[in-house]
Amino acid sequence: PRIMATLPAGLTELQHHSLANAVESAGGRNISVI
C-alpha cells in the first residue's frame, strides 16, 4: 500500500528516516512522512 505517516514538527532528517524505515517494515510501497 501507499502510506502517509506523520511525526511531530521540527524533527531531524534522521528521525524522518527512522520513522519511514519502521513503516517500511510494515509493508508500504511509497512512504511519505510529513
PDB file of all heavy atoms in Angstrom:
ATOM      1  N   PRO A   1       0.817  -1.213   0.000  1.00  0.00           N
ATOM      2  CA  PRO A   1       0.000   0.000   0.000  1.00  0.00           C
ATOM      3  C   PRO A   1       0.855   1.269   0.000  1.00  0.00           C
ATOM      4  O   PRO A   1       2.033   1.246   0.347  1.00  0.00           O
ATOM      5  CB  PRO A   1      -0.761  -0.117   1.319  1.00  0.00           C
ATOM      6  CG  PRO A   1       0.194  -0.837   2.218  1.00  0.00           C
ATOM      7  CD  PRO A   1       0.892  -1.842   1.329  1.00  0.00           C
ATOM      8  N   ARG A   2       0.226   2.369  -0.375  1.00  0.00           N
ATOM      9  CA  ARG A   2       0.855   3.672  -0.209  1.00  0.00           C
ATOM     10  C   ARG A   2       0.527   4.150   1.200  1.00  0.00           C
ATOM     11  O   ARG A   2      -0.613   4.068   1.645  1.00  0.00           O
ATOM     12  CB  ARG A   2       0.333   4.671  -1.235  1.00  0.00           C
ATOM     13  CG  ARG A   2       0.713   4.325  -2.668  1.00  0.00           C
ATOM     14  CD  ARG A   2       0.341   5.465  -3.590  1.00  0.00           C
ATOM     15  NE  ARG A   2      -1.088   5.799  -3.485  1.00  0.00           N
ATOM     16  CZ  ARG A   2      -1.606   6.959  -3.849  1.00  0.00           C
ATOM     17  NH1 ARG A   2      -0.820   7.921  -4.300  1.00  0.00           N
ATOM     18  NH2 ARG A   2      -2.910   7.176  -3.753  1.00  0.00           N
ATOM     19  N   ILE A   3       1.538   4.674   1.885  1.00  0.00           N
ATOM     20  CA  ILE A   3       1.350   5.047   3.288  1.00  0.00           C
ATOM     21  C   ILE A   3       1.810   6.485   3.511  1.00  0.00           C
ATOM     22  O   ILE A   3       2.885   6.879   3.060  1.00  0.00           O
ATOM     23  CB  ILE A   3       2.132   4.100   4.224  1.00  0.00           C
ATOM     24  CG1 ILE A   3       1.555   2.669   4.136  1.00  0.00           C
ATOM     25  CG2 ILE A   3       2.077   4.594   5.662  1.00  0.00           C
ATOM     26  CD1 ILE A   3       2.300   1.660   4.974  1.00  0.00           C
ATOM     27  N   MET A   4       0.987   7.253   4.213  1.00  0.00           N
ATOM     28  CA  MET A   4       1.359   8.580   4.675  1.00  0.00           C
ATOM     29  C   MET A   4       1.467   8.513   6.191  1.00  0.00           C
ATOM     30  O   MET A   4       0.475   8.278   6.887  1.00  0.00           O
ATOM     31  CB  MET A   4       0.310   9.613   4.258  1.00  0.00           C
ATOM     32  CG  MET A   4       0.641  11.032   4.680  1.00  0.00           C
ATOM     33  SD  MET A   4       1.969  11.766   3.692  1.00  0.00           S
ATOM     34  CE  MET A   4       1.057  12.182   2.195  1.00  0.00           C
ATOM     35  N   ALA A   5       2.676   8.685   6.716  1.00  0.00           N
ATOM     36  CA  ALA A   5       2.905   8.639   8.159  1.00  0.00           C
ATOM     37  C   ALA A   5       3.209  10.038   8.667  1.00  0.00           C
ATOM     38  O   ALA A   5       3.805  10.855   7.958  1.00  0.00           O
ATOM     39  CB  ALA A   5       4.059   7.691   8.483  1.00  0.00           C
ATOM     40  N   THR A   6       2.810  10.326   9.888  1.00  0.00           N
ATOM     41  CA  THR A   6       3.003  11.659  10.449  1.00  0.00           C
ATOM     42  C   THR A   6       3.971  11.613  11.623  1.00  0.00           C
ATOM     43  O   THR A   6       4.135  10.586  12.277  1.00  0.00           O
ATOM     44  CB  THR A   6       1.673  12.258  10.931  1.00  0.00           C
ATOM     45  OG1 THR A   6       1.173  11.478  12.023  1.00  0.00           O
ATOM     46  CG2 THR A   6       0.646  12.248   9.800  1.00  0.00           C
ATOM     47  N   LEU A   7       4.598  12.740  11.885  1.00  0.00           N
ATOM     48  CA  LEU A   7       5.507  12.876  13.008  1.00  0.00           C
ATOM     49  C   LEU A   7       5.492  14.324  13.473  1.00  0.00           C
ATOM     50  O   LEU A   7       5.017  15.211  12.762  1.00  0.00           O
ATOM     51  CB  LEU A   7       6.920  12.427  12.636  1.00  0.00           C
ATOM     52  CG  LEU A   7       7.820  13.332  11.793  1.00  0.00           C
ATOM     53  CD1 LEU A   7       9.192  12.688  11.655  1.00  0.00           C
ATOM     54  CD2 LEU A   7       7.251  13.595  10.415  1.00  0.00           C
ATOM     55  N   PRO A   8       5.994  14.608  14.677  1.00  0.00           N
ATOM     56  CA  PRO A   8       5.971  15.989  15.178  1.00  0.00           C
ATOM     57  C   PRO A   8       6.749  16.942  14.290  1.00  0.00           C
ATOM     58  O   PRO A   8       7.644  16.541  13.547  1.00  0.00           O
ATOM     59  CB  PRO A   8       6.626  15.865  16.567  1.00  0.00           C
ATOM     60  CG  PRO A   8       6.412  14.451  16.965  1.00  0.00           C
ATOM     61  CD  PRO A   8       6.488  13.667  15.690  1.00  0.00           C
ATOM     62  N   ALA A   9       6.414  18.217  14.389  1.00  0.00           N
ATOM     63  CA  ALA A   9       7.095  19.238  13.598  1.00  0.00           C
ATOM     64  C   ALA A   9       8.519  19.452  14.101  1.00  0.00           C
ATOM     65  O   ALA A   9       8.811  19.282  15.282  1.00  0.00           O
ATOM     66  CB  ALA A   9       6.317  20.553  13.668  1.00  0.00           C
ATOM     67  N   GLY A  10       9.392  19.793  13.182  1.00  0.00           N
ATOM     68  CA  GLY A  10      10.731  20.211  13.550  1.00  0.00           C
ATOM     69  C   GLY A  10      11.721  19.104  13.862  1.00  0.00           C
ATOM     70  O   GLY A  10      12.782  19.366  14.434  1.00  0.00           O
ATOM     71  N   LEU A  11      11.412  17.851  13.494  1.00  0.00           N
ATOM     72  CA  LEU A  11      12.352  16.766  13.750  1.00  0.00           C
ATOM     73  C   LEU A  11      13.444  16.742  12.686  1.00  0.00           C
ATOM     74  O   LEU A  11      13.331  17.340  11.625  1.00  0.00           O
ATOM     75  CB  LEU A  11      11.626  15.417  13.780  1.00  0.00           C
ATOM     76  CG  LEU A  11      10.588  15.221  14.887  1.00  0.00           C
ATOM     77  CD1 LEU A  11      10.112  13.783  14.906  1.00  0.00           C
ATOM     78  CD2 LEU A  11      11.156  15.597  16.255  1.00  0.00           C
ATOM     79  N   THR A  12      14.513  16.021  12.988  1.00  0.00           N
ATOM     80  CA  THR A  12      15.661  15.963  12.083  1.00  0.00           C
ATOM     81  C   THR A  12      15.397  15.001  10.925  1.00  0.00           C
ATOM     82  O   THR A  12      14.473  14.179  10.969  1.00  0.00           O
ATOM     83  CB  THR A  12      16.915  15.492  12.839  1.00  0.00           C
ATOM     84  OG1 THR A  12      16.711  14.134  13.275  1.00  0.00           O
ATOM     85  CG2 THR A  12      17.189  16.370  14.050  1.00  0.00           C
ATOM     86  N   GLU A  13      16.246  15.088   9.911  1.00  0.00           N
ATOM     87  CA  GLU A  13      16.136  14.192   8.765  1.00  0.00           C
ATOM     88  C   GLU A  13      16.338  12.745   9.196  1.00  0.00           C
ATOM     89  O   GLU A  13      15.688  11.827   8.678  1.00  0.00           O
ATOM     90  CB  GLU A  13      17.177  14.580   7.716  1.00  0.00           C
ATOM     91  CG  GLU A  13      17.057  13.797   6.410  1.00  0.00           C
ATOM     92  CD  GLU A  13      15.786  14.103   5.650  1.00  0.00           C
ATOM     93  OE1 GLU A  13      15.188  15.161   5.890  1.00  0.00           O
ATOM     94  OE2 GLU A  13      15.371  13.262   4.829  1.00  0.00           O
ATOM     95  N   LEU A  14      17.225  12.518  10.167  1.00  0.00           N
ATOM     96  CA  LEU A  14      17.462  11.166  10.672  1.00  0.00           C
ATOM     97  C   LEU A  14      16.205  10.594  11.311  1.00  0.00           C
ATOM     98  O   LEU A  14      15.877   9.413  11.133  1.00  0.00           O
ATOM     99  CB  LEU A  14      18.607  11.173  11.691  1.00  0.00           C
ATOM    100  CG  LEU A  14      18.962   9.822  12.324  1.00  0.00           C
ATOM    101  CD1 LEU A  14      19.401   8.826  11.263  1.00  0.00           C
ATOM    102  CD2 LEU A  14      20.042   9.993  13.391  1.00  0.00           C
ATOM    103  N   GLN A  15      15.480  11.429  12.039  1.00  0.00           N
ATOM    104  CA  GLN A  15      14.251  10.971  12.672  1.00  0.00           C
ATOM    105  C   GLN A  15      13.166  10.703  11.629  1.00  0.00           C
ATOM    106  O   GLN A  15      12.356   9.800  11.793  1.00  0.00           O
ATOM    107  CB  GLN A  15      13.800  12.001  13.704  1.00  0.00           C
ATOM    108  CG  GLN A  15      14.696  12.033  14.934  1.00  0.00           C
ATOM    109  CD  GLN A  15      14.515  13.282  15.780  1.00  0.00           C
ATOM    110  OE1 GLN A  15      14.150  14.346  15.275  1.00  0.00           O
ATOM    111  NE2 GLN A  15      14.768  13.162  17.072  1.00  0.00           N
ATOM    112  N   HIS A  16      13.167  11.489  10.537  1.00  0.00           N
ATOM    113  CA  HIS A  16      12.265  11.211   9.425  1.00  0.00           C
ATOM    114  C   HIS A  16      12.563   9.824   8.847  1.00  0.00           C
ATOM    115  O   HIS A  16      11.654   9.026   8.602  1.00  0.00           O
ATOM    116  CB  HIS A  16      12.447  12.263   8.325  1.00  0.00           C
ATOM    117  CG  HIS A  16      11.671  13.513   8.544  1.00  0.00           C
ATOM    118  ND1 HIS A  16      10.595  13.872   7.769  1.00  0.00           N
ATOM    119  CD2 HIS A  16      11.803  14.494   9.466  1.00  0.00           C
ATOM    120  CE1 HIS A  16      10.105  15.024   8.188  1.00  0.00           C
ATOM    121  NE2 HIS A  16      10.830  15.428   9.215  1.00  0.00           N
ATOM    122  N   HIS A  17      13.849   9.552   8.620  1.00  0.00           N
ATOM    123  CA  HIS A  17      14.254   8.266   8.059  1.00  0.00           C
ATOM    124  C   HIS A  17      13.894   7.115   9.002  1.00  0.00           C
ATOM    125  O   HIS A  17      13.480   6.046   8.548  1.00  0.00           O
ATOM    126  CB  HIS A  17      15.759   8.260   7.786  1.00  0.00           C
ATOM    127  CG  HIS A  17      16.130   8.877   6.474  1.00  0.00           C
ATOM    128  ND1 HIS A  17      15.914   8.248   5.262  1.00  0.00           N
ATOM    129  CD2 HIS A  17      16.683  10.071   6.175  1.00  0.00           C
ATOM    130  CE1 HIS A  17      16.333   9.019   4.283  1.00  0.00           C
ATOM    131  NE2 HIS A  17      16.802  10.142   4.802  1.00  0.00           N
ATOM    132  N   SER A  18      14.073   7.334  10.294  1.00  0.00           N
ATOM    133  CA  SER A  18      13.787   6.291  11.266  1.00  0.00           C
ATOM    134  C   SER A  18      12.326   5.879  11.215  1.00  0.00           C
ATOM    135  O   SER A  18      11.994   4.690  11.200  1.00  0.00           O
ATOM    136  CB  SER A  18      14.154   6.789  12.676  1.00  0.00           C
ATOM    137  OG  SER A  18      13.906   5.786  13.641  1.00  0.00           O
ATOM    138  N   LEU A  19      11.423   6.874  11.147  1.00  0.00           N
ATOM    139  CA  LEU A  19      10.001   6.571  11.051  1.00  0.00           C
ATOM    140  C   LEU A  19       9.679   5.894   9.726  1.00  0.00           C
ATOM    141  O   LEU A  19       8.941   4.901   9.676  1.00  0.00           O
ATOM    142  CB  LEU A  19       9.175   7.845  11.209  1.00  0.00           C
ATOM    143  CG  LEU A  19       7.659   7.692  11.022  1.00  0.00           C
ATOM    144  CD1 LEU A  19       7.087   6.692  12.027  1.00  0.00           C
ATOM    145  CD2 LEU A  19       6.952   9.033  11.158  1.00  0.00           C
ATOM    146  N   ALA A  20      10.241   6.411   8.621  1.00  0.00           N
ATOM    147  CA  ALA A  20       9.975   5.829   7.304  1.00  0.00           C
ATOM    148  C   ALA A  20      10.429   4.373   7.249  1.00  0.00           C
ATOM    149  O   ALA A  20       9.738   3.513   6.697  1.00  0.00           O
ATOM    150  CB  ALA A  20      10.673   6.646   6.220  1.00  0.00           C
ATOM    151  N   ASN A  21      11.582   4.075   7.844  1.00  0.00           N
ATOM    152  CA  ASN A  21      12.096   2.709   7.830  1.00  0.00           C
ATOM    153  C   ASN A  21      11.223   1.766   8.647  1.00  0.00           C
ATOM    154  O   ASN A  21      11.029   0.603   8.285  1.00  0.00           O
ATOM    155  CB  ASN A  21      13.529   2.682   8.358  1.00  0.00           C
ATOM    156  CG  ASN A  21      14.511   3.310   7.394  1.00  0.00           C
ATOM    157  OD1 ASN A  21      14.271   3.360   6.194  1.00  0.00           O
ATOM    158  ND2 ASN A  21      15.625   3.815   7.920  1.00  0.00           N
ATOM    159  N   ALA A  22      10.682   2.268   9.785  1.00  0.00           N
ATOM    160  CA  ALA A  22       9.800   1.433  10.604  1.00  0.00           C
ATOM    161  C   ALA A  22       8.509   1.119   9.847  1.00  0.00           C
ATOM    162  O   ALA A  22       8.032  -0.019   9.851  1.00  0.00           O
ATOM    163  CB  ALA A  22       9.485   2.136  11.920  1.00  0.00           C
ATOM    164  N   VAL A  23       7.967   2.129   9.169  1.00  0.00           N
ATOM    165  CA  VAL A  23       6.742   1.920   8.391  1.00  0.00           C
ATOM    166  C   VAL A  23       7.029   1.009   7.198  1.00  0.00           C
ATOM    167  O   VAL A  23       6.193   0.191   6.807  1.00  0.00           O
ATOM    168  CB  VAL A  23       6.167   3.267   7.921  1.00  0.00           C
ATOM    169  CG1 VAL A  23       4.951   3.054   7.030  1.00  0.00           C
ATOM    170  CG2 VAL A  23       5.786   4.130   9.116  1.00  0.00           C
ATOM    171  N   GLU A  24       8.222   1.138   6.644  1.00  0.00           N
ATOM    172  CA  GLU A  24       8.638   0.298   5.524  1.00  0.00           C
ATOM    173  C   GLU A  24       8.532  -1.181   5.874  1.00  0.00           C
ATOM    174  O   GLU A  24       8.065  -2.000   5.077  1.00  0.00           O
ATOM    175  CB  GLU A  24      10.074   0.657   5.141  1.00  0.00           C
ATOM    176  CG  GLU A  24      10.687  -0.193   4.054  1.00  0.00           C
ATOM    177  CD  GLU A  24      12.145   0.190   3.829  1.00  0.00           C
ATOM    178  OE1 GLU A  24      12.884   0.356   4.821  1.00  0.00           O
ATOM    179  OE2 GLU A  24      12.518   0.331   2.671  1.00  0.00           O
ATOM    180  N   SER A  25       8.935  -1.509   7.090  1.00  0.00           N
ATOM    181  CA  SER A  25       8.915  -2.910   7.509  1.00  0.00           C
ATOM    182  C   SER A  25       7.500  -3.455   7.642  1.00  0.00           C
ATOM    183  O   SER A  25       7.306  -4.665   7.696  1.00  0.00           O
ATOM    184  CB  SER A  25       9.643  -3.055   8.853  1.00  0.00           C
ATOM    185  OG  SER A  25      10.993  -2.669   8.730  1.00  0.00           O
ATOM    186  N   ALA A  26       6.527  -2.533   7.695  1.00  0.00           N
ATOM    187  CA  ALA A  26       5.139  -2.969   7.814  1.00  0.00           C
ATOM    188  C   ALA A  26       4.494  -3.246   6.464  1.00  0.00           C
ATOM    189  O   ALA A  26       3.345  -3.671   6.400  1.00  0.00           O
ATOM    190  CB  ALA A  26       4.321  -1.928   8.573  1.00  0.00           C
ATOM    191  N   GLY A  27       5.205  -2.970   5.373  1.00  0.00           N
ATOM    192  CA  GLY A  27       4.704  -3.365   4.065  1.00  0.00           C
ATOM    193  C   GLY A  27       4.322  -2.260   3.124  1.00  0.00           C
ATOM    194  O   GLY A  27       3.595  -2.505   2.168  1.00  0.00           O
ATOM    195  N   GLY A  28       4.770  -1.029   3.359  1.00  0.00           N
ATOM    196  CA  GLY A  28       4.414   0.076   2.479  1.00  0.00           C
ATOM    197  C   GLY A  28       5.173   0.053   1.158  1.00  0.00           C
ATOM    198  O   GLY A  28       6.274  -0.480   1.066  1.00  0.00           O
ATOM    199  N   ARG A  29       4.588   0.631   0.134  1.00  0.00           N
ATOM    200  CA  ARG A  29       5.263   0.742  -1.157  1.00  0.00           C
ATOM    201  C   ARG A  29       5.904   2.129  -1.290  1.00  0.00           C
ATOM    202  O   ARG A  29       7.096   2.249  -1.452  1.00  0.00           O
ATOM    203  CB  ARG A  29       4.264   0.515  -2.296  1.00  0.00           C
ATOM    204  CG  ARG A  29       4.900   0.621  -3.680  1.00  0.00           C
ATOM    205  CD  ARG A  29       3.894   0.319  -4.788  1.00  0.00           C
ATOM    206  NE  ARG A  29       2.967   1.416  -5.024  1.00  0.00           N
ATOM    207  CZ  ARG A  29       1.671   1.375  -4.770  1.00  0.00           C
ATOM    208  NH1 ARG A  29       1.157   0.279  -4.229  1.00  0.00           N
ATOM    209  NH2 ARG A  29       0.891   2.401  -5.028  1.00  0.00           N
ATOM    210  N   ASN A  30       5.091   3.158  -1.247  1.00  0.00           N
ATOM    211  CA  ASN A  30       5.570   4.533  -1.258  1.00  0.00           C
ATOM    212  C   ASN A  30       5.227   5.167   0.077  1.00  0.00           C
ATOM    213  O   ASN A  30       4.065   5.234   0.451  1.00  0.00           O
ATOM    214  CB  ASN A  30       4.916   5.339  -2.394  1.00  0.00           C
ATOM    215  CG  ASN A  30       5.388   4.886  -3.759  1.00  0.00           C
ATOM    216  OD1 ASN A  30       6.559   4.556  -3.925  1.00  0.00           O
ATOM    217  ND2 ASN A  30       4.483   4.834  -4.721  1.00  0.00           N
ATOM    218  N   ILE A  31       6.231   5.615   0.776  1.00  0.00           N
ATOM    219  CA  ILE A  31       6.025   6.173   2.107  1.00  0.00           C
ATOM    220  C   ILE A  31       6.323   7.662   2.077  1.00  0.00           C
ATOM    221  O   ILE A  31       7.410   8.076   1.681  1.00  0.00           O
ATOM    222  CB  ILE A  31       6.935   5.503   3.150  1.00  0.00           C
ATOM    223  CG1 ILE A  31       6.666   3.996   3.192  1.00  0.00           C
ATOM    224  CG2 ILE A  31       6.714   6.107   4.526  1.00  0.00           C
ATOM    225  CD1 ILE A  31       7.662   3.231   4.017  1.00  0.00           C
ATOM    226  N   SER A  32       5.361   8.448   2.490  1.00  0.00           N
ATOM    227  CA  SER A  32       5.560   9.878   2.635  1.00  0.00           C
ATOM    228  C   SER A  32       5.455  10.216   4.114  1.00  0.00           C
ATOM    229  O   SER A  32       4.511   9.797   4.785  1.00  0.00           O
ATOM    230  CB  SER A  32       4.502  10.651   1.842  1.00  0.00           C
ATOM    231  OG  SER A  32       4.779  12.018   1.852  1.00  0.00           O
ATOM    232  N   VAL A  33       6.439  10.933   4.619  1.00  0.00           N
ATOM    233  CA  VAL A  33       6.468  11.303   6.031  1.00  0.00           C
ATOM    234  C   VAL A  33       6.318  12.815   6.131  1.00  0.00           C
ATOM    235  O   VAL A  33       7.132  13.559   5.596  1.00  0.00           O
ATOM    236  CB  VAL A  33       7.785  10.855   6.698  1.00  0.00           C
ATOM    237  CG1 VAL A  33       7.806  11.259   8.166  1.00  0.00           C
ATOM    238  CG2 VAL A  33       7.962   9.343   6.570  1.00  0.00           C
ATOM    239  N   ILE A  34       5.254  13.268   6.787  1.00  0.00           N
ATOM    240  CA  ILE A  34       5.020  14.705   6.907  1.00  0.00           C
ATOM    241  C   ILE A  34       4.727  15.083   8.354  1.00  0.00           C
ATOM    242  O   ILE A  34       4.381  14.229   9.175  1.00  0.00           O
ATOM    243  CB  ILE A  34       3.851  15.172   6.013  1.00  0.00           C
ATOM    244  CG1 ILE A  34       2.555  14.455   6.397  1.00  0.00           C
ATOM    245  CG2 ILE A  34       4.171  14.984   4.544  1.00  0.00           C
ATOM    246  CD1 ILE A  34       1.333  15.014   5.714  1.00  0.00           C
TER     247      ILE A  34
END
